Amino acid sequence: TSAVHEQLQADVEVGTFLSGGVDSSIITALAASFRKDNLHTFSVGFPDSELNESSFAFEVSNSLNTRHHAFQMSDSDALEAFALLDRSFSEPLGDPSQLPTSFLAKSAREYVTVALSGDGADELFFGYQRYARFIQLSKNWFYRNPHLTRSIQQFSGLLTEIWPSRI
């Protein structure tokens, strides 16, 4: 709550990226509660209805009374975003959401200078099904290999000491 409140203290227009998922919906709800005017929210949709989750963003936007902007990402938009990736990231990144996020940021720039997002919480709190499966598999493996587990923990601690801002 305090982080969202602090980020809204800006001399420029601030909005939120709203996918309709738990993370972005919470951030948007908090931001909307601090704003006197309607908050700009942004989502990206796709022509393929199987990949398009923008209906969730519309539901959240309607319930919070935000000024929602939904953008459709075409194949040509994806290619254009892909061409800009080498200038957008300082190192290789294997995140499939980088294309739609780059497209969304460029599109939202017409309305706001800063956009808050909920990106990253699923990774931190194991929000995807693949993480649950990994935890289940790794528990058994780590219990059967306690010496290796201890070595991995020690190595992780060493890396944190060497590069605290990177890990």
C-alpha atoms as a PDB file:
ATOM      1  CA  THR A   1       0.000   0.000   0.000  1.00  0.00           C
ATOM      2  CA  SER A   2       2.723   2.463   0.925  1.00  0.00           C
ATOM      3  CA  ALA A   3       4.793   1.592  -2.159  1.00  0.00           C
ATOM      4  CA  VAL A   4       1.853   2.264  -4.483  1.00  0.00           C
ATOM      5  CA  HIS A   5       1.018   5.488  -2.640  1.00  0.00           C
ATOM      6  CA  GLU A   6       4.619   6.694  -2.919  1.00  0.00           C
ATOM      7  CA  GLN A   7       4.822   5.898  -6.639  1.00  0.00           C
ATOM      8  CA  LEU A   8       1.700   7.971  -7.294  1.00  0.00           C
ATOM      9  CA  GLN A   9       3.452  11.074  -5.953  1.00  0.00           C
ATOM     10  CA  ALA A  10       4.702  12.304  -9.308  1.00  0.00           C
ATOM     11  CA  ASP A  11       4.792  15.432 -11.408  1.00  0.00           C
ATOM     12  CA  VAL A  12       3.633  13.411 -14.414  1.00  0.00           C
ATOM     13  CA  GLU A  13       0.539  11.385 -15.234  1.00  0.00           C
ATOM     14  CA  VAL A  14       0.627   7.889 -13.662  1.00  0.00           C
ATOM     15  CA  GLY A  15      -1.436   4.845 -14.656  1.00  0.00           C
ATOM     16  CA  THR A  16      -1.355   1.091 -14.206  1.00  0.00           C
ATOM     17  CA  PHE A  17      -0.910  -1.917 -16.433  1.00  0.00           C
ATOM     18  CA  LEU A  18      -3.989  -4.011 -15.756  1.00  0.00           C
ATOM     19  CA  SER A  19      -4.092  -7.617 -16.909  1.00  0.00           C
ATOM     20  CA  GLY A  20      -7.001  -8.541 -14.670  1.00  0.00           C
ATOM     21  CA  GLY A  21      -4.814 -10.910 -12.674  1.00  0.00           C
ATOM     22  CA  VAL A  22      -4.463 -10.733  -8.915  1.00  0.00           C
ATOM     23  CA  ASP A  23      -1.227  -8.699  -8.858  1.00  0.00           C
ATOM     24  CA  SER A  24      -2.174  -5.933 -11.271  1.00  0.00           C
ATOM     25  CA  SER A  25      -5.736  -5.793  -9.918  1.00  0.00           C
ATOM     26  CA  ILE A  26      -4.513  -5.187  -6.357  1.00  0.00           C
ATOM     27  CA  ILE A  27      -2.089  -2.488  -7.491  1.00  0.00           C
ATOM     28  CA  THR A  28      -4.799  -0.853  -9.590  1.00  0.00           C
ATOM     29  CA  ALA A  29      -7.313  -0.977  -6.733  1.00  0.00           C
ATOM     30  CA  LEU A  30      -4.795   0.647  -4.385  1.00  0.00           C
ATOM     31  CA  ALA A  31      -3.874   3.305  -6.960  1.00  0.00           C
ATOM     32  CA  ALA A  32      -7.545   4.054  -7.666  1.00  0.00           C
ATOM     33  CA  SER A  33      -8.209   4.467  -3.946  1.00  0.00           C
ATOM     34  CA  PHE A  34      -5.552   7.201  -3.739  1.00  0.00           C
ATOM     35  CA  ARG A  35      -6.609   9.089  -6.875  1.00  0.00           C
ATOM     36  CA  LYS A  36      -9.266  11.788  -6.892  1.00  0.00           C
ATOM     37  CA  ASP A  37      -9.624  11.633 -10.677  1.00  0.00           C
ATOM     38  CA  ASN A  38     -10.078   8.551 -12.816  1.00  0.00           C
ATOM     39  CA  LEU A  39      -6.974   6.446 -13.061  1.00  0.00           C
ATOM     40  CA  HIS A  40      -5.754   5.427 -16.539  1.00  0.00           C
ATOM     41  CA  THR A  41      -5.413   1.648 -16.866  1.00  0.00           C
ATOM     42  CA  PHE A  42      -3.968  -0.266 -19.797  1.00  0.00           C
ATOM     43  CA  SER A  43      -4.248  -3.798 -21.089  1.00  0.00           C
ATOM     44  CA  VAL A  44      -3.090  -5.670 -24.157  1.00  0.00           C
ATOM     45  CA  GLY A  45      -5.165  -8.188 -26.047  1.00  0.00           C
ATOM     46  CA  PHE A  46      -4.480 -10.551 -28.904  1.00  0.00           C
ATOM     47  CA  PRO A  47      -6.488 -11.595 -31.961  1.00  0.00           C
ATOM     48  CA  ASP A  48      -6.233 -15.231 -30.823  1.00  0.00           C
ATOM     49  CA  SER A  49      -9.100 -15.565 -28.339  1.00  0.00           C
ATOM     50  CA  GLU A  50      -7.282 -18.381 -26.520  1.00  0.00           C
ATOM     51  CA  LEU A  51      -4.494 -15.987 -25.506  1.00  0.00           C
ATOM     52  CA  ASN A  52      -6.691 -12.941 -24.965  1.00  0.00           C
ATOM     53  CA  GLU A  53      -7.385 -12.326 -21.279  1.00  0.00           C
ATOM     54  CA  SER A  54      -8.426  -8.684 -21.666  1.00  0.00           C
ATOM     55  CA  SER A  55     -11.995  -9.400 -20.495  1.00  0.00           C
ATOM     56  CA  PHE A  56     -10.627  -9.764 -16.947  1.00  0.00           C
ATOM     57  CA  ALA A  57      -9.027  -6.326 -17.182  1.00  0.00           C
ATOM     58  CA  PHE A  58     -12.342  -4.836 -18.346  1.00  0.00           C
ATOM     59  CA  GLU A  59     -14.133  -6.368 -15.346  1.00  0.00           C
ATOM     60  CA  VAL A  60     -11.632  -4.890 -12.897  1.00  0.00           C
ATOM     61  CA  SER A  61     -11.628  -1.544 -14.665  1.00  0.00           C
ATOM     62  CA  ASN A  62     -15.421  -1.352 -14.569  1.00  0.00           C
ATOM     63  CA  SER A  63     -15.566  -2.193 -10.890  1.00  0.00           C
ATOM     64  CA  LEU A  64     -12.919   0.439 -10.039  1.00  0.00           C
ATOM     65  CA  ASN A  65     -14.265   3.050 -12.488  1.00  0.00           C
ATOM     66  CA  THR A  66     -10.916   3.597 -14.230  1.00  0.00           C
ATOM     67  CA  ARG A  67     -10.292   5.110 -17.649  1.00  0.00           C
ATOM     68  CA  HIS A  68      -9.363   1.875 -19.353  1.00  0.00           C
ATOM     69  CA  HIS A  69      -7.439   1.650 -22.623  1.00  0.00           C
ATOM     70  CA  ALA A  70      -7.260  -1.746 -24.315  1.00  0.00           C
ATOM     71  CA  PHE A  71      -4.797  -2.259 -27.140  1.00  0.00           C
ATOM     72  CA  GLN A  72      -4.799  -5.154 -29.607  1.00  0.00           C
ATOM     73  CA  MET A  73      -1.340  -6.479 -30.460  1.00  0.00           C
ATOM     74  CA  SER A  74      -1.048  -7.659 -34.051  1.00  0.00           C
ATOM     75  CA  ASP A  75       1.700  -9.740 -35.616  1.00  0.00           C
ATOM     76  CA  SER A  76       3.278  -6.588 -37.058  1.00  0.00           C
ATOM     77  CA  ASP A  77       3.201  -4.952 -33.594  1.00  0.00           C
ATOM     78  CA  ALA A  78       5.015  -8.007 -32.200  1.00  0.00           C
ATOM     79  CA  LEU A  79       7.688  -7.788 -34.887  1.00  0.00           C
ATOM     80  CA  GLU A  80       8.168  -4.074 -34.208  1.00  0.00           C
ATOM     81  CA  ALA A  81       8.455  -4.719 -30.447  1.00  0.00           C
ATOM     82  CA  PHE A  82      10.910  -7.550 -31.107  1.00  0.00           C
ATOM     83  CA  ALA A  83      13.146  -5.231 -33.134  1.00  0.00           C
ATOM     84  CA  LEU A  84      13.401  -2.887 -30.140  1.00  0.00           C
ATOM     85  CA  LEU A  85      14.232  -5.526 -27.515  1.00  0.00           C
ATOM     86  CA  ASP A  86      18.001  -5.284 -27.858  1.00  0.00           C
ATOM     87  CA  ARG A  87      17.751  -1.595 -26.883  1.00  0.00           C
ATOM     88  CA  SER A  88      15.262  -2.233 -24.081  1.00  0.00           C
ATOM     89  CA  PHE A  89      17.096  -4.819 -21.982  1.00  0.00           C
ATOM     90  CA  SER A  90      20.679  -4.779 -20.767  1.00  0.00           C
ATOM     91  CA  GLU A  91      21.012  -8.553 -20.964  1.00  0.00           C
ATOM     92  CA  PRO A  92      19.287 -11.525 -22.627  1.00  0.00           C
ATOM     93  CA  LEU A  93      15.881 -12.229 -21.141  1.00  0.00           C
ATOM     94  CA  GLY A  94      13.767 -15.307 -21.794  1.00  0.00           C
ATOM     95  CA  ASP A  95      10.432 -13.888 -20.668  1.00  0.00           C
ATOM     96  CA  PRO A  96       7.625 -14.452 -23.185  1.00  0.00           C
ATOM     97  CA  SER A  97       5.736 -11.437 -21.826  1.00  0.00           C
ATOM     98  CA  GLN A  98       8.472  -9.011 -22.897  1.00  0.00           C
ATOM     99  CA  LEU A  99       6.903  -8.444 -26.329  1.00  0.00           C
ATOM    100  CA  PRO A 100       3.382  -7.576 -25.157  1.00  0.00           C
ATOM    101  CA  THR A 101       4.784  -5.576 -22.229  1.00  0.00           C
ATOM    102  CA  SER A 102       6.999  -3.536 -24.557  1.00  0.00           C
ATOM    103  CA  PHE A 103       4.057  -2.958 -26.891  1.00  0.00           C
ATOM    104  CA  LEU A 104       1.825  -1.973 -23.960  1.00  0.00           C
ATOM    105  CA  ALA A 105       4.403   0.467 -22.587  1.00  0.00           C
ATOM    106  CA  LYS A 106       4.772   2.143 -25.968  1.00  0.00           C
ATOM    107  CA  SER A 107       0.989   2.371 -26.385  1.00  0.00           C
ATOM    108  CA  ALA A 108       0.384   3.667 -22.858  1.00  0.00           C
ATOM    109  CA  ARG A 109       2.975   6.408 -23.362  1.00  0.00           C
ATOM    110  CA  GLU A 110       0.380   8.358 -25.342  1.00  0.00           C
ATOM    111  CA  TYR A 111      -1.537   8.842 -22.077  1.00  0.00           C
ATOM    112  CA  VAL A 112       0.904   8.517 -19.148  1.00  0.00           C
ATOM    113  CA  THR A 113       4.595   8.843 -18.419  1.00  0.00           C
ATOM    114  CA  VAL A 114       4.691   6.280 -15.590  1.00  0.00           C
ATOM    115  CA  ALA A 115       2.772   3.004 -15.275  1.00  0.00           C
ATOM    116  CA  LEU A 116       2.726   0.730 -12.252  1.00  0.00           C
ATOM    117  CA  SER A 117       2.504  -3.002 -12.836  1.00  0.00           C
ATOM    118  CA  GLY A 118       2.216  -6.217 -10.871  1.00  0.00           C
ATOM    119  CA  ASP A 119       4.885  -7.937 -12.931  1.00  0.00           C
ATOM    120  CA  GLY A 120       7.051 -10.337 -10.949  1.00  0.00           C
ATOM    121  CA  ALA A 121       4.804 -11.395  -8.085  1.00  0.00           C
ATOM    122  CA  ASP A 122       3.884 -14.702  -9.711  1.00  0.00           C
ATOM    123  CA  GLU A 123       7.560 -15.526  -9.929  1.00  0.00           C
ATOM    124  CA  LEU A 124       8.226 -14.496  -6.329  1.00  0.00           C
ATOM    125  CA  PHE A 125       5.207 -16.265  -4.866  1.00  0.00           C
ATOM    126  CA  PHE A 126       5.069 -19.272  -7.214  1.00  0.00           C
ATOM    127  CA  GLY A 127       1.838 -18.187  -8.875  1.00  0.00           C
ATOM    128  CA  TYR A 128       2.063 -20.446 -11.902  1.00  0.00           C
ATOM    129  CA  GLN A 129       1.243 -24.139 -11.977  1.00  0.00           C
ATOM    130  CA  ARG A 130       4.740 -25.003 -13.249  1.00  0.00           C
ATOM    131  CA  TYR A 131       6.198 -23.650 -10.004  1.00  0.00           C
ATOM    132  CA  ALA A 132       3.983 -25.872  -7.881  1.00  0.00           C
ATOM    133  CA  ARG A 133       5.166 -28.907  -9.852  1.00  0.00           C
ATOM    134  CA  PHE A 134       8.802 -27.831  -9.470  1.00  0.00           C
ATOM    135  CA  ILE A 135       8.404 -27.463  -5.700  1.00  0.00           C
ATOM    136  CA  GLN A 136       6.803 -30.901  -5.469  1.00  0.00           C
ATOM    137  CA  LEU A 137       9.599 -32.526  -7.478  1.00  0.00           C
ATOM    138  CA  SER A 138      12.411 -30.615  -5.825  1.00  0.00           C
ATOM    139  CA  LYS A 139      11.315 -31.408  -2.257  1.00  0.00           C
ATOM    140  CA  ASN A 140      11.848 -35.094  -2.840  1.00  0.00           C
ATOM    141  CA  TRP A 141      15.115 -34.517  -4.672  1.00  0.00           C
ATOM    142  CA  PHE A 142      16.540 -32.121  -2.063  1.00  0.00           C
ATOM    143  CA  TYR A 143      15.580 -34.418   0.821  1.00  0.00           C
ATOM    144  CA  ARG A 144      17.433 -37.280  -0.844  1.00  0.00           C
ATOM    145  CA  ASN A 145      20.524 -35.118  -1.491  1.00  0.00           C
ATOM    146  CA  PRO A 146      21.142 -33.106   1.708  1.00  0.00           C
ATOM    147  CA  HIS A 147      24.862 -32.521   1.052  1.00  0.00           C
ATOM    148  CA  LEU A 148      24.230 -31.086  -2.394  1.00  0.00           C
ATOM    149  CA  THR A 149      21.355 -28.990  -1.028  1.00  0.00           C
ATOM    150  CA  ARG A 150      23.660 -27.500   1.618  1.00  0.00           C
ATOM    151  CA  SER A 151      26.279 -26.751  -1.071  1.00  0.00           C
ATOM    152  CA  ILE A 152      23.695 -24.964  -3.220  1.00  0.00           C
ATOM    153  CA  GLN A 153      22.572 -22.894  -0.214  1.00  0.00           C
ATOM    154  CA  GLN A 154      26.183 -21.944   0.586  1.00  0.00           C
ATOM    155  CA  PHE A 155      26.859 -21.005  -3.037  1.00  0.00           C
ATOM    156  CA  SER A 156      23.688 -18.870  -3.129  1.00  0.00           C
ATOM    157  CA  GLY A 157      24.812 -17.082   0.030  1.00  0.00           C
ATOM    158  CA  LEU A 158      28.216 -16.416  -1.506  1.00  0.00           C
ATOM    159  CA  LEU A 159      26.657 -14.973  -4.667  1.00  0.00           C
ATOM    160  CA  THR A 160      24.441 -12.713  -2.561  1.00  0.00           C
ATOM    161  CA  GLU A 161      27.502 -11.373  -0.752  1.00  0.00           C
ATOM    162  CA  ILE A 162      29.379 -10.749  -4.003  1.00  0.00           C
ATOM    163  CA  TRP A 163      26.448  -9.247  -5.984  1.00  0.00           C
ATOM    164  CA  PRO A 164      23.792  -8.206  -3.453  1.00  0.00           C
ATOM    165  CA  SER A 165      21.908  -6.005  -5.931  1.00  0.00           C
ATOM    166  CA  ARG A 166      21.732  -8.704  -8.617  1.00  0.00           C
ATOM    167  CA  ILE A 167      20.347 -11.609  -6.574  1.00  0.00           C
END
